[in-house]
Amino acid sequence: MQKAKLTSKGQITIPKEVRKQLGLRIGDEIEFVKENGHFRLQKVFTESPFDKWVGFLKEWEGYDVDEMIEEMRGR
C-alpha cells in the first residue's frame, strides 16, 4: 500500500510508483471519485488518445492489403 502525507495547504505528493501505474505526467489532471463511501483517484482524459489517429489511413481506403504488400516487395 502506498501512502502520502497531507501538507498544511491540503496538498499531497502522489508516490512515484502510483504516478507510474496511472501514467501521470506533469500537467495531467486527476479526479477523486466517490464510490461506496470511499474515494478513488483516476487520471482525467480530456480527449481520447486515439483521436489524433482518426483519418490517418484515409488515403489508403479501398486499397487491397495483399496488393499493397506485393507492391512494397517490388513484385
Protein backbone atom coordinates (compact mmCIF):
# COMPACT_ATOMS: atom_id res chain seq x y z
CA MET A 1 0.00 0.00 0.00
CA GLN A 2 1.29 3.46 -0.90
CA LYS A 3 0.92 6.39 1.47
CA ALA A 4 1.12 10.18 1.18
CA LYS A 5 1.19 12.90 3.83
CA LEU A 6 -1.17 15.90 3.67
CA THR A 7 0.53 19.31 3.97
CA SER A 8 -0.89 22.33 5.80
CA LYS A 9 -2.06 23.62 2.40
CA GLY A 10 -4.04 20.45 1.75
CA GLN A 11 -1.55 19.12 -0.81
CA ILE A 12 -0.14 15.64 -1.25
CA THR A 13 2.67 14.16 -3.30
CA ILE A 14 1.50 11.13 -5.25
CA PRO A 15 4.10 8.38 -4.81
CA LYS A 16 6.26 7.70 -7.87
CA GLU A 17 5.01 4.12 -8.31
CA VAL A 18 1.37 5.28 -8.26
CA ARG A 19 2.13 8.03 -10.81
CA LYS A 20 3.86 5.45 -12.99
CA GLN A 21 0.96 2.99 -12.82
CA LEU A 22 -1.57 5.74 -13.59
CA GLY A 23 0.59 7.07 -16.41
CA LEU A 24 0.62 10.54 -14.82
CA ARG A 25 2.86 13.26 -16.19
CA ILE A 26 3.43 16.89 -15.27
CA GLY A 27 0.29 18.90 -16.02
CA ASP A 28 -2.07 15.91 -16.04
CA GLU A 29 -5.34 16.27 -14.20
CA ILE A 30 -6.68 13.74 -11.72
CA GLU A 31 -10.08 13.42 -10.17
CA PHE A 32 -11.39 11.92 -6.96
CA VAL A 33 -14.44 9.73 -7.49
CA LYS A 34 -16.59 8.75 -4.51
CA GLU A 35 -17.82 5.15 -4.60
CA ASN A 36 -19.46 3.28 -1.76
CA GLY A 37 -18.14 5.72 0.84
CA HIS A 38 -14.56 5.54 -0.47
CA PHE A 39 -12.64 7.79 -2.84
CA ARG A 40 -10.89 6.55 -5.95
CA LEU A 41 -8.18 8.51 -7.74
CA GLN A 42 -8.14 8.44 -11.52
CA LYS A 43 -6.49 10.24 -14.40
CA VAL A 44 -8.70 12.63 -16.38
CA PHE A 45 -8.63 12.07 -20.13
CA THR A 46 -9.72 15.25 -21.89
CA GLU A 47 -9.54 13.55 -25.25
CA SER A 48 -9.17 10.02 -26.47
CA PRO A 49 -5.54 9.08 -27.11
CA PHE A 50 -6.81 7.66 -30.41
CA ASP A 51 -8.34 10.95 -31.65
CA LYS A 52 -5.06 12.03 -33.23
CA TRP A 53 -5.12 8.93 -35.45
CA VAL A 54 -8.64 9.40 -36.84
CA GLY A 55 -8.36 9.58 -40.62
CA PHE A 56 -4.64 8.77 -40.58
CA LEU A 57 -5.04 5.96 -43.13
CA LYS A 58 -7.75 7.70 -45.17
CA GLU A 59 -5.50 7.84 -48.26
CA TRP A 60 -5.27 4.03 -48.23
CA GLU A 61 -9.04 3.49 -48.16
CA GLY A 62 -10.16 0.98 -50.78
CA TYR A 63 -6.69 -0.50 -51.31
CA ASP A 64 -6.31 -4.24 -51.13
CA VAL A 65 -3.85 -5.11 -48.36
CA ASP A 66 -2.36 -8.05 -50.27
CA GLU A 67 -1.76 -5.85 -53.33
CA MET A 68 -0.10 -3.20 -51.14
CA ILE A 69 2.27 -5.80 -49.68
CA GLU A 70 3.18 -7.15 -53.11
CA GLU A 71 3.82 -3.58 -54.33
CA MET A 72 6.07 -2.85 -51.33
CA ARG A 73 8.01 -6.02 -52.05
CA GLY A 74 8.50 -4.85 -55.65
CA ARG A 75 6.59 -7.68 -57.26
